[in-house]
């Protein structure tokens, strides 16, 4: 491992939180006087960091001249936003009526057991984040799970382990 004088690792290209905050500062200059910029800025920030850390939310509030509580309130309202680091793969289970009736809850329980996490949490290896949705528009294929942008239809609890295996390190992207 190569260590710089300031004690940071130089062996990989992963930017530090400070690096990302500097990028965000530059980006926010273009949006500081734009009406309705908060949600697009939050989306871009989440894409940049992978989630919305408190330091970024404070910077957004300051640069967009909004209160921290307003920014945090928007983040809390929309389920798309996350203040927790997300895994490499987002696993979402549909719990809309058709999926629920056809075994979606059992699939969710199997995923929780296999991943060893609760809904809204990320596995220790940061490979998977487990979440639920209310309808993916695939009712005839119920129960459905989505991993990233891939839809898995007619899922049975016994299939969960083999589906997840496709996404483990070196698997599906």
N, C-alpha and C. Protein backbone atom coordinates (compact mmCIF):
# COMPACT_ATOMS: atom_id res chain seq x y z
N UNK A 1 0.85 -1.17 0.00
CA UNK A 1 0.00 0.00 0.00
C UNK A 1 0.89 1.23 0.00
N UNK A 2 0.61 2.17 -0.87
CA UNK A 2 1.38 3.42 -0.94
C UNK A 2 0.66 4.48 -0.13
N UNK A 3 1.41 5.14 0.76
CA UNK A 3 0.82 6.16 1.62
C UNK A 3 1.47 7.51 1.31
N UNK A 4 0.64 8.51 1.08
CA UNK A 4 1.13 9.86 0.84
C UNK A 4 1.55 10.50 2.16
N UNK A 5 2.24 11.64 2.09
CA UNK A 5 2.70 12.34 3.29
C UNK A 5 1.55 12.69 4.22
N UNK A 6 0.38 12.97 3.65
CA UNK A 6 -0.76 13.34 4.49
C UNK A 6 -1.47 12.14 5.09
N UNK A 7 -0.95 10.93 4.84
CA UNK A 7 -1.51 9.72 5.45
C UNK A 7 -2.60 9.06 4.64
N UNK A 8 -2.90 9.54 3.43
CA UNK A 8 -3.95 8.93 2.62
C UNK A 8 -3.36 7.86 1.71
N UNK A 9 -4.18 6.92 1.36
CA UNK A 9 -3.76 5.83 0.48
C UNK A 9 -3.69 6.35 -0.95
N UNK A 10 -2.58 6.01 -1.64
CA UNK A 10 -2.43 6.44 -3.03
C UNK A 10 -2.42 5.24 -3.98
N UNK A 11 -2.77 4.07 -3.48
CA UNK A 11 -2.67 2.87 -4.29
C UNK A 11 -3.90 2.63 -5.16
N UNK A 12 -4.93 3.37 -4.96
CA UNK A 12 -6.13 3.15 -5.77
C UNK A 12 -6.68 4.49 -6.21
N UNK A 13 -7.62 4.45 -7.11
CA UNK A 13 -8.18 5.68 -7.66
C UNK A 13 -9.41 6.17 -6.91
N UNK A 14 -9.78 5.51 -5.82
CA UNK A 14 -10.99 5.89 -5.09
C UNK A 14 -10.82 7.27 -4.46
N UNK A 15 -11.67 8.22 -4.83
CA UNK A 15 -11.55 9.56 -4.26
C UNK A 15 -11.98 9.57 -2.80
N UNK A 16 -11.40 10.46 -2.03
CA UNK A 16 -11.78 10.61 -0.63
C UNK A 16 -13.06 11.44 -0.55
N UNK A 17 -13.67 11.48 0.63
CA UNK A 17 -14.86 12.31 0.81
C UNK A 17 -14.53 13.77 0.56
N UNK A 18 -13.33 14.20 0.96
CA UNK A 18 -12.92 15.58 0.73
C UNK A 18 -12.83 15.88 -0.77
N UNK A 19 -12.29 14.92 -1.54
CA UNK A 19 -12.23 15.09 -3.00
C UNK A 19 -13.63 15.25 -3.58
N UNK A 20 -14.54 14.42 -3.12
CA UNK A 20 -15.91 14.46 -3.63
C UNK A 20 -16.60 15.77 -3.24
N UNK A 21 -16.33 16.24 -2.02
CA UNK A 21 -16.92 17.52 -1.60
C UNK A 21 -16.39 18.67 -2.45
N UNK A 22 -15.14 18.62 -2.83
CA UNK A 22 -14.59 19.65 -3.71
C UNK A 22 -15.27 19.62 -5.08
N UNK A 23 -15.50 18.43 -5.60
CA UNK A 23 -16.23 18.31 -6.88
C UNK A 23 -17.64 18.87 -6.74
N UNK A 24 -18.27 18.56 -5.59
CA UNK A 24 -19.63 19.04 -5.35
C UNK A 24 -19.65 20.57 -5.27
N UNK A 25 -18.67 21.16 -4.61
CA UNK A 25 -18.60 22.63 -4.52
C UNK A 25 -18.57 23.25 -5.92
N UNK A 26 -17.73 22.71 -6.77
CA UNK A 26 -17.62 23.24 -8.14
C UNK A 26 -18.94 23.08 -8.88
N UNK A 27 -19.57 21.96 -8.71
CA UNK A 27 -20.84 21.69 -9.37
C UNK A 27 -21.94 22.64 -8.86
N UNK A 28 -21.95 22.88 -7.55
CA UNK A 28 -23.00 23.72 -6.96
C UNK A 28 -22.95 25.16 -7.43
N UNK A 29 -21.79 25.61 -7.87
CA UNK A 29 -21.68 26.98 -8.40
C UNK A 29 -22.64 27.19 -9.57
N UNK A 30 -22.84 26.16 -10.37
CA UNK A 30 -23.73 26.27 -11.54
C UNK A 30 -25.21 26.27 -11.15
N UNK A 31 -25.53 25.83 -9.93
CA UNK A 31 -26.92 25.67 -9.52
C UNK A 31 -27.37 26.63 -8.42
N UNK A 32 -26.48 27.45 -7.89
CA UNK A 32 -26.83 28.21 -6.70
C UNK A 32 -27.98 29.20 -6.92
N UNK A 33 -28.20 29.66 -8.12
CA UNK A 33 -29.30 30.60 -8.38
C UNK A 33 -30.39 29.99 -9.27
N UNK A 34 -30.44 28.68 -9.33
CA UNK A 34 -31.41 28.00 -10.18
C UNK A 34 -32.63 27.57 -9.36
N UNK A 35 -33.81 28.11 -9.68
CA UNK A 35 -35.02 27.67 -8.95
C UNK A 35 -35.28 26.18 -9.18
N UNK A 36 -35.70 25.49 -8.14
CA UNK A 36 -36.04 24.07 -8.27
C UNK A 36 -34.84 23.15 -8.41
N UNK A 37 -33.68 23.63 -8.00
CA UNK A 37 -32.45 22.84 -8.20
C UNK A 37 -32.23 21.76 -7.15
N UNK A 38 -32.94 21.82 -6.03
CA UNK A 38 -32.61 20.93 -4.91
C UNK A 38 -32.66 19.45 -5.28
N UNK A 39 -33.75 18.99 -5.86
CA UNK A 39 -33.86 17.56 -6.16
C UNK A 39 -32.83 17.12 -7.20
N UNK A 40 -32.66 17.83 -8.30
CA UNK A 40 -31.60 17.41 -9.24
C UNK A 40 -30.21 17.42 -8.60
N UNK A 41 -29.94 18.40 -7.74
CA UNK A 41 -28.64 18.45 -7.06
C UNK A 41 -28.48 17.24 -6.14
N UNK A 42 -29.53 16.88 -5.43
CA UNK A 42 -29.47 15.71 -4.54
C UNK A 42 -29.25 14.43 -5.35
N UNK A 43 -29.91 14.32 -6.49
CA UNK A 43 -29.72 13.13 -7.33
C UNK A 43 -28.28 13.03 -7.82
N UNK A 44 -27.74 14.12 -8.28
CA UNK A 44 -26.37 14.12 -8.78
C UNK A 44 -25.39 13.84 -7.64
N UNK A 45 -25.66 14.42 -6.48
CA UNK A 45 -24.81 14.20 -5.32
C UNK A 45 -24.83 12.73 -4.91
N UNK A 46 -26.00 12.12 -4.91
CA UNK A 46 -26.09 10.70 -4.56
C UNK A 46 -25.33 9.85 -5.56
N UNK A 47 -25.40 10.21 -6.84
CA UNK A 47 -24.63 9.48 -7.85
C UNK A 47 -23.13 9.65 -7.63
N UNK A 48 -22.72 10.81 -7.19
CA UNK A 48 -21.31 11.10 -6.95
C UNK A 48 -20.77 10.32 -5.75
N UNK A 49 -21.49 10.35 -4.63
CA UNK A 49 -21.03 9.72 -3.39
C UNK A 49 -21.50 8.27 -3.25
N UNK A 50 -22.60 7.93 -3.92
CA UNK A 50 -23.20 6.61 -3.73
C UNK A 50 -24.29 6.64 -2.66
N UNK A 51 -24.37 7.75 -1.95
CA UNK A 51 -25.39 8.01 -0.93
C UNK A 51 -25.28 9.49 -0.59
N UNK A 52 -26.02 9.96 0.40
CA UNK A 52 -26.00 11.37 0.75
C UNK A 52 -25.45 11.56 2.17
N UNK A 53 -24.13 11.76 2.28
CA UNK A 53 -23.57 11.97 3.61
C UNK A 53 -23.98 13.33 4.18
N UNK A 54 -23.98 13.43 5.49
CA UNK A 54 -24.38 14.67 6.15
C UNK A 54 -23.53 15.85 5.70
N UNK A 55 -22.24 15.63 5.50
CA UNK A 55 -21.35 16.72 5.07
C UNK A 55 -21.80 17.30 3.72
N UNK A 56 -22.25 16.44 2.82
CA UNK A 56 -22.73 16.90 1.51
C UNK A 56 -24.05 17.65 1.66
N UNK A 57 -24.93 17.15 2.53
CA UNK A 57 -26.22 17.82 2.74
C UNK A 57 -26.02 19.22 3.32
N UNK A 58 -25.08 19.34 4.24
CA UNK A 58 -24.79 20.66 4.82
C UNK A 58 -24.24 21.61 3.76
N UNK A 59 -23.37 21.11 2.92
CA UNK A 59 -22.81 21.93 1.85
C UNK A 59 -23.90 22.36 0.87
N UNK A 60 -24.78 21.46 0.51
CA UNK A 60 -25.89 21.78 -0.40
C UNK A 60 -26.77 22.86 0.21
N UNK A 61 -27.12 22.70 1.49
CA UNK A 61 -27.97 23.68 2.17
C UNK A 61 -27.30 25.06 2.14
N UNK A 62 -26.01 25.09 2.45
CA UNK A 62 -25.27 26.35 2.48
C UNK A 62 -25.21 27.00 1.10
N UNK A 63 -24.86 26.23 0.08
CA UNK A 63 -24.65 26.78 -1.26
C UNK A 63 -25.95 27.13 -1.98
N UNK A 64 -27.04 26.42 -1.64
CA UNK A 64 -28.33 26.72 -2.27
C UNK A 64 -29.18 27.67 -1.42
N UNK A 65 -28.58 28.14 -0.32
CA UNK A 65 -29.25 29.07 0.59
C UNK A 65 -30.57 28.50 1.11
N UNK A 66 -30.48 27.28 1.60
CA UNK A 66 -31.64 26.60 2.19
C UNK A 66 -31.25 26.16 3.59
N UNK A 67 -32.26 25.91 4.42
CA UNK A 67 -31.95 25.41 5.76
C UNK A 67 -31.59 23.92 5.66
N UNK A 68 -30.77 23.47 6.58
CA UNK A 68 -30.41 22.05 6.60
C UNK A 68 -31.67 21.20 6.78
N UNK A 69 -32.60 21.67 7.60
CA UNK A 69 -33.82 20.88 7.84
C UNK A 69 -34.66 20.75 6.57
N UNK A 70 -34.66 21.77 5.71
CA UNK A 70 -35.39 21.67 4.44
C UNK A 70 -34.75 20.61 3.55
N UNK A 71 -33.42 20.65 3.44
CA UNK A 71 -32.71 19.68 2.61
C UNK A 71 -32.91 18.27 3.17
N UNK A 72 -32.73 18.11 4.46
CA UNK A 72 -32.90 16.79 5.09
C UNK A 72 -34.34 16.30 4.98
N UNK A 73 -35.28 17.23 5.03
CA UNK A 73 -36.70 16.85 4.88
C UNK A 73 -37.00 16.29 3.51
N UNK A 74 -36.43 16.88 2.47
CA UNK A 74 -36.62 16.38 1.11
C UNK A 74 -36.00 14.99 0.99
N UNK A 75 -34.80 14.83 1.54
CA UNK A 75 -34.12 13.53 1.49
C UNK A 75 -34.95 12.48 2.21
N UNK A 76 -35.51 12.83 3.35
CA UNK A 76 -36.32 11.88 4.11
C UNK A 76 -37.64 11.54 3.45
N UNK A 77 -38.17 12.47 2.68
CA UNK A 77 -39.48 12.25 2.04
C UNK A 77 -39.40 11.28 0.87
N UNK A 78 -38.36 11.39 0.06
CA UNK A 78 -38.26 10.58 -1.14
C UNK A 78 -37.45 9.31 -0.87
N UNK A 79 -38.06 8.16 -1.13
CA UNK A 79 -37.40 6.89 -0.84
C UNK A 79 -36.21 6.63 -1.77
N UNK A 80 -36.11 7.35 -2.86
CA UNK A 80 -34.98 7.19 -3.77
C UNK A 80 -33.67 7.59 -3.09
N UNK A 81 -33.74 8.56 -2.18
CA UNK A 81 -32.53 9.06 -1.54
C UNK A 81 -32.13 8.19 -0.36
N UNK A 82 -30.83 8.08 -0.16
CA UNK A 82 -30.32 7.28 0.95
C UNK A 82 -29.20 8.03 1.66
N UNK A 83 -29.28 8.06 2.99
CA UNK A 83 -28.22 8.65 3.79
C UNK A 83 -27.27 7.57 4.30
N UNK A 84 -27.50 6.35 3.89
CA UNK A 84 -26.63 5.22 4.24
C UNK A 84 -25.88 4.79 2.97
N UNK A 85 -24.61 4.41 3.11
CA UNK A 85 -23.90 3.91 1.93
C UNK A 85 -24.64 2.71 1.33
N UNK A 86 -24.74 2.68 0.04
CA UNK A 86 -25.42 1.58 -0.65
C UNK A 86 -24.41 0.59 -1.17
N UNK A 87 -24.90 -0.63 -1.36
CA UNK A 87 -24.05 -1.68 -1.89
C UNK A 87 -23.85 -1.55 -3.39
N UNK A 88 -22.97 -2.36 -3.89
CA UNK A 88 -22.69 -2.39 -5.33
C UNK A 88 -23.95 -2.74 -6.11
N UNK A 89 -24.78 -3.62 -5.54
CA UNK A 89 -26.02 -4.05 -6.20
C UNK A 89 -27.21 -3.70 -5.31
N UNK A 90 -28.23 -3.10 -5.91
CA UNK A 90 -29.47 -2.80 -5.21
C UNK A 90 -30.48 -3.90 -5.51
N UNK A 91 -30.91 -4.59 -4.44
CA UNK A 91 -31.88 -5.67 -4.56
C UNK A 91 -33.21 -5.13 -4.05
N UNK A 92 -34.21 -5.09 -4.94
CA UNK A 92 -35.53 -4.59 -4.56
C UNK A 92 -36.57 -5.69 -4.76
N UNK A 93 -37.39 -5.88 -3.77
CA UNK A 93 -38.46 -6.88 -3.81
C UNK A 93 -39.78 -6.14 -3.97
N UNK A 94 -40.57 -6.57 -4.94
CA UNK A 94 -41.88 -5.96 -5.11
C UNK A 94 -42.83 -6.53 -4.06
N UNK A 95 -43.49 -5.63 -3.33
CA UNK A 95 -44.51 -6.04 -2.38
C UNK A 95 -45.86 -5.41 -2.72
N UNK A 96 -46.04 -5.12 -4.02
CA UNK A 96 -47.36 -4.69 -4.49
C UNK A 96 -48.33 -5.84 -4.31
N UNK A 97 -49.59 -5.60 -4.49
CA UNK A 97 -50.62 -6.60 -4.19
C UNK A 97 -50.38 -7.93 -4.89
N UNK A 98 -50.17 -7.94 -6.19
CA UNK A 98 -50.00 -9.20 -6.92
C UNK A 98 -48.77 -9.95 -6.42
N UNK A 99 -47.66 -9.26 -6.26
CA UNK A 99 -46.43 -9.92 -5.80
C UNK A 99 -46.59 -10.41 -4.36
N UNK A 100 -47.21 -9.62 -3.51
CA UNK A 100 -47.40 -10.01 -2.12
C UNK A 100 -48.25 -11.28 -2.03
N UNK A 101 -49.37 -11.28 -2.76
CA UNK A 101 -50.29 -12.42 -2.72
C UNK A 101 -49.63 -13.69 -3.28
N UNK A 102 -48.73 -13.53 -4.24
CA UNK A 102 -48.10 -14.69 -4.87
C UNK A 102 -46.75 -15.06 -4.24
N UNK A 103 -46.49 -14.54 -3.03
CA UNK A 103 -45.32 -15.00 -2.29
C UNK A 103 -44.19 -14.01 -2.15
N UNK A 104 -44.41 -12.74 -2.45
CA UNK A 104 -43.36 -11.74 -2.35
C UNK A 104 -42.77 -11.61 -0.95
N UNK A 105 -43.62 -11.73 0.07
CA UNK A 105 -43.13 -11.64 1.46
C UNK A 105 -42.19 -12.79 1.77
N UNK A 106 -42.49 -13.99 1.27
CA UNK A 106 -41.61 -15.15 1.50
C UNK A 106 -40.27 -14.95 0.78
N UNK A 107 -40.32 -14.36 -0.41
CA UNK A 107 -39.08 -14.07 -1.16
C UNK A 107 -38.26 -13.05 -0.37
N UNK A 108 -38.93 -12.03 0.16
CA UNK A 108 -38.23 -11.03 0.97
C UNK A 108 -37.56 -11.69 2.18
N UNK A 109 -38.28 -12.55 2.86
CA UNK A 109 -37.71 -13.25 4.02
C UNK A 109 -36.50 -14.08 3.63
N UNK A 110 -36.57 -14.73 2.47
CA UNK A 110 -35.43 -15.54 1.99
C UNK A 110 -34.23 -14.64 1.69
N UNK A 111 -34.49 -13.47 1.10
CA UNK A 111 -33.40 -12.53 0.82
C UNK A 111 -32.78 -12.00 2.11
N UNK A 112 -33.62 -11.66 3.07
CA UNK A 112 -33.10 -11.19 4.36
C UNK A 112 -32.22 -12.25 5.00
N UNK A 113 -32.64 -13.49 4.92
CA UNK A 113 -31.85 -14.58 5.50
C UNK A 113 -30.56 -14.82 4.75
N UNK A 114 -30.63 -14.80 3.44
CA UNK A 114 -29.45 -15.07 2.63
C UNK A 114 -28.43 -13.94 2.72
N UNK A 115 -28.91 -12.70 2.73
CA UNK A 115 -28.02 -11.54 2.79
C UNK A 115 -27.63 -11.17 4.22
N UNK A 116 -28.42 -11.66 5.18
CA UNK A 116 -28.20 -11.35 6.59
C UNK A 116 -28.31 -9.85 6.87
N UNK A 117 -29.30 -9.22 6.25
CA UNK A 117 -29.58 -7.80 6.48
C UNK A 117 -31.09 -7.59 6.52
N UNK A 118 -31.47 -6.48 7.10
CA UNK A 118 -32.87 -6.07 7.10
C UNK A 118 -33.10 -5.10 5.94
N UNK A 119 -34.35 -4.84 5.65
CA UNK A 119 -34.71 -3.91 4.58
C UNK A 119 -34.09 -2.54 4.87
N UNK A 120 -33.52 -1.94 3.82
CA UNK A 120 -32.90 -0.64 3.95
C UNK A 120 -31.44 -0.69 4.37
N UNK A 121 -30.93 -1.87 4.61
CA UNK A 121 -29.55 -2.02 5.07
C UNK A 121 -28.67 -2.61 3.98
N UNK A 122 -27.37 -2.48 4.18
CA UNK A 122 -26.37 -2.95 3.23
C UNK A 122 -25.53 -4.04 3.88
N UNK A 123 -25.18 -5.05 3.10
CA UNK A 123 -24.36 -6.14 3.62
C UNK A 123 -22.99 -5.62 4.05
N UNK A 124 -22.36 -6.32 4.97
CA UNK A 124 -21.06 -5.89 5.49
C UNK A 124 -20.03 -5.71 4.39
N UNK A 125 -20.09 -6.56 3.36
CA UNK A 125 -19.10 -6.46 2.27
C UNK A 125 -19.47 -5.36 1.26
N UNK A 126 -20.55 -4.64 1.53
CA UNK A 126 -21.06 -3.56 0.67
C UNK A 126 -21.35 -4.02 -0.75
N UNK A 127 -21.71 -5.29 -0.88
CA UNK A 127 -22.04 -5.82 -2.20
C UNK A 127 -23.53 -5.66 -2.50
N UNK A 128 -24.40 -5.75 -1.48
CA UNK A 128 -25.85 -5.70 -1.69
C UNK A 128 -26.53 -4.75 -0.71
N UNK A 129 -27.52 -4.02 -1.21
CA UNK A 129 -28.46 -3.27 -0.37
C UNK A 129 -29.83 -3.83 -0.65
N UNK A 130 -30.59 -4.11 0.41
CA UNK A 130 -31.92 -4.69 0.28
C UNK A 130 -32.98 -3.63 0.48
N UNK A 131 -33.95 -3.59 -0.43
CA UNK A 131 -35.03 -2.61 -0.35
C UNK A 131 -36.32 -3.24 -0.87
N UNK A 132 -37.42 -2.56 -0.67
CA UNK A 132 -38.71 -3.03 -1.18
C UNK A 132 -39.32 -1.95 -2.05
N UNK A 133 -40.23 -2.36 -2.92
CA UNK A 133 -40.98 -1.45 -3.76
C UNK A 133 -42.45 -1.85 -3.71
N UNK A 134 -43.32 -1.00 -4.17
CA UNK A 134 -44.75 -1.29 -4.11
C UNK A 134 -45.32 -1.81 -5.42
N UNK A 135 -44.72 -1.48 -6.54
CA UNK A 135 -45.17 -2.05 -7.80
C UNK A 135 -44.12 -1.77 -8.87
N UNK A 136 -43.70 -2.80 -9.56
CA UNK A 136 -42.71 -2.65 -10.62
C UNK A 136 -43.35 -2.73 -12.00
N UNK A 137 -44.69 -2.81 -12.04
CA UNK A 137 -45.40 -2.85 -13.31
C UNK A 137 -45.27 -4.19 -14.02
N UNK A 138 -45.04 -5.24 -13.25
CA UNK A 138 -44.88 -6.58 -13.83
C UNK A 138 -45.76 -7.57 -13.08
N UNK A 139 -46.99 -7.18 -12.83
CA UNK A 139 -47.89 -7.98 -12.00
C UNK A 139 -48.12 -9.39 -12.53
N UNK A 140 -48.15 -9.54 -13.83
CA UNK A 140 -48.36 -10.87 -14.42
C UNK A 140 -47.17 -11.79 -14.25
N UNK A 141 -46.04 -11.25 -13.81
CA UNK A 141 -44.81 -12.03 -13.63
C UNK A 141 -44.52 -12.28 -12.15
N UNK A 142 -45.46 -11.94 -11.28
CA UNK A 142 -45.27 -11.98 -9.83
C UNK A 142 -44.92 -13.38 -9.31
N UNK A 143 -44.15 -13.40 -8.21
CA UNK A 143 -43.47 -12.29 -7.55
C UNK A 143 -42.18 -11.91 -8.28
N UNK A 144 -41.85 -10.63 -8.18
CA UNK A 144 -40.74 -10.06 -8.94
C UNK A 144 -39.73 -9.44 -7.98
N UNK A 145 -38.44 -9.62 -8.32
CA UNK A 145 -37.40 -8.84 -7.67
C UNK A 145 -36.58 -8.18 -8.76
N UNK A 146 -35.99 -7.04 -8.42
CA UNK A 146 -35.08 -6.36 -9.34
C UNK A 146 -33.73 -6.27 -8.66
N UNK A 147 -32.71 -6.63 -9.38
CA UNK A 147 -31.35 -6.42 -8.91
C UNK A 147 -30.72 -5.49 -9.93
N UNK A 148 -30.39 -4.31 -9.46
CA UNK A 148 -29.96 -3.22 -10.33
C UNK A 148 -31.08 -2.99 -11.35
N UNK A 149 -30.83 -3.16 -12.63
CA UNK A 149 -31.88 -2.95 -13.63
C UNK A 149 -32.42 -4.27 -14.18
N UNK A 150 -32.04 -5.39 -13.57
CA UNK A 150 -32.45 -6.70 -14.06
C UNK A 150 -33.67 -7.20 -13.30
N UNK A 151 -34.71 -7.58 -14.04
CA UNK A 151 -35.94 -8.09 -13.44
C UNK A 151 -35.88 -9.61 -13.40
N UNK A 152 -36.17 -10.16 -12.22
CA UNK A 152 -36.27 -11.62 -12.05
C UNK A 152 -37.72 -11.91 -11.72
N UNK A 153 -38.35 -12.74 -12.54
CA UNK A 153 -39.79 -12.97 -12.44
C UNK A 153 -40.10 -14.34 -11.87
N UNK A 154 -41.30 -14.47 -11.31
CA UNK A 154 -41.76 -15.75 -10.77
C UNK A 154 -40.78 -16.34 -9.76
N UNK A 155 -40.19 -15.48 -8.95
CA UNK A 155 -39.15 -15.91 -8.02
C UNK A 155 -39.74 -16.70 -6.87
N UNK A 156 -39.09 -17.80 -6.55
CA UNK A 156 -39.45 -18.61 -5.39
C UNK A 156 -38.35 -18.46 -4.36
N UNK A 157 -38.69 -18.57 -3.08
CA UNK A 157 -37.66 -18.43 -2.04
C UNK A 157 -36.47 -19.36 -2.24
N UNK A 158 -36.71 -20.53 -2.79
CA UNK A 158 -35.62 -21.50 -3.00
C UNK A 158 -34.65 -21.06 -4.10
N UNK A 159 -35.04 -20.09 -4.92
CA UNK A 159 -34.19 -19.60 -6.01
C UNK A 159 -33.30 -18.42 -5.60
N UNK A 160 -33.56 -17.85 -4.45
CA UNK A 160 -32.88 -16.63 -4.03
C UNK A 160 -31.36 -16.79 -4.02
N UNK A 161 -30.85 -17.84 -3.41
CA UNK A 161 -29.39 -18.02 -3.30
C UNK A 161 -28.73 -18.08 -4.68
N UNK A 162 -29.33 -18.81 -5.61
CA UNK A 162 -28.72 -18.93 -6.94
C UNK A 162 -28.81 -17.62 -7.71
N UNK A 163 -29.88 -16.86 -7.51
CA UNK A 163 -29.99 -15.56 -8.17
C UNK A 163 -28.92 -14.62 -7.63
N UNK A 164 -28.76 -14.57 -6.32
CA UNK A 164 -27.75 -13.69 -5.72
C UNK A 164 -26.34 -14.07 -6.16
N UNK A 165 -26.10 -15.35 -6.33
CA UNK A 165 -24.76 -15.82 -6.71
C UNK A 165 -24.31 -15.21 -8.03
N UNK A 166 -25.25 -14.92 -8.92
CA UNK A 166 -24.94 -14.30 -10.20
C UNK A 166 -24.35 -12.89 -10.02
N UNK A 167 -24.61 -12.27 -8.87
CA UNK A 167 -24.19 -10.89 -8.64
C UNK A 167 -23.05 -10.76 -7.63
N UNK A 168 -22.60 -11.87 -7.12
CA UNK A 168 -21.47 -11.80 -6.18
C UNK A 168 -20.24 -11.37 -6.94
N UNK A 169 -19.17 -11.07 -6.26
CA UNK A 169 -17.94 -10.55 -6.89
C UNK A 169 -17.63 -11.28 -8.19
N UNK A 170 -17.44 -10.48 -9.23
CA UNK A 170 -17.12 -11.03 -10.54
C UNK A 170 -18.33 -11.48 -11.33
N UNK A 171 -19.55 -11.33 -10.74
CA UNK A 171 -20.75 -11.78 -11.42
C UNK A 171 -21.37 -10.69 -12.26
N UNK A 172 -22.69 -10.75 -12.43
CA UNK A 172 -23.43 -9.82 -13.28
C UNK A 172 -23.21 -8.38 -12.85
N UNK A 173 -23.25 -7.50 -13.81
CA UNK A 173 -23.06 -6.06 -13.52
C UNK A 173 -24.37 -5.34 -13.68
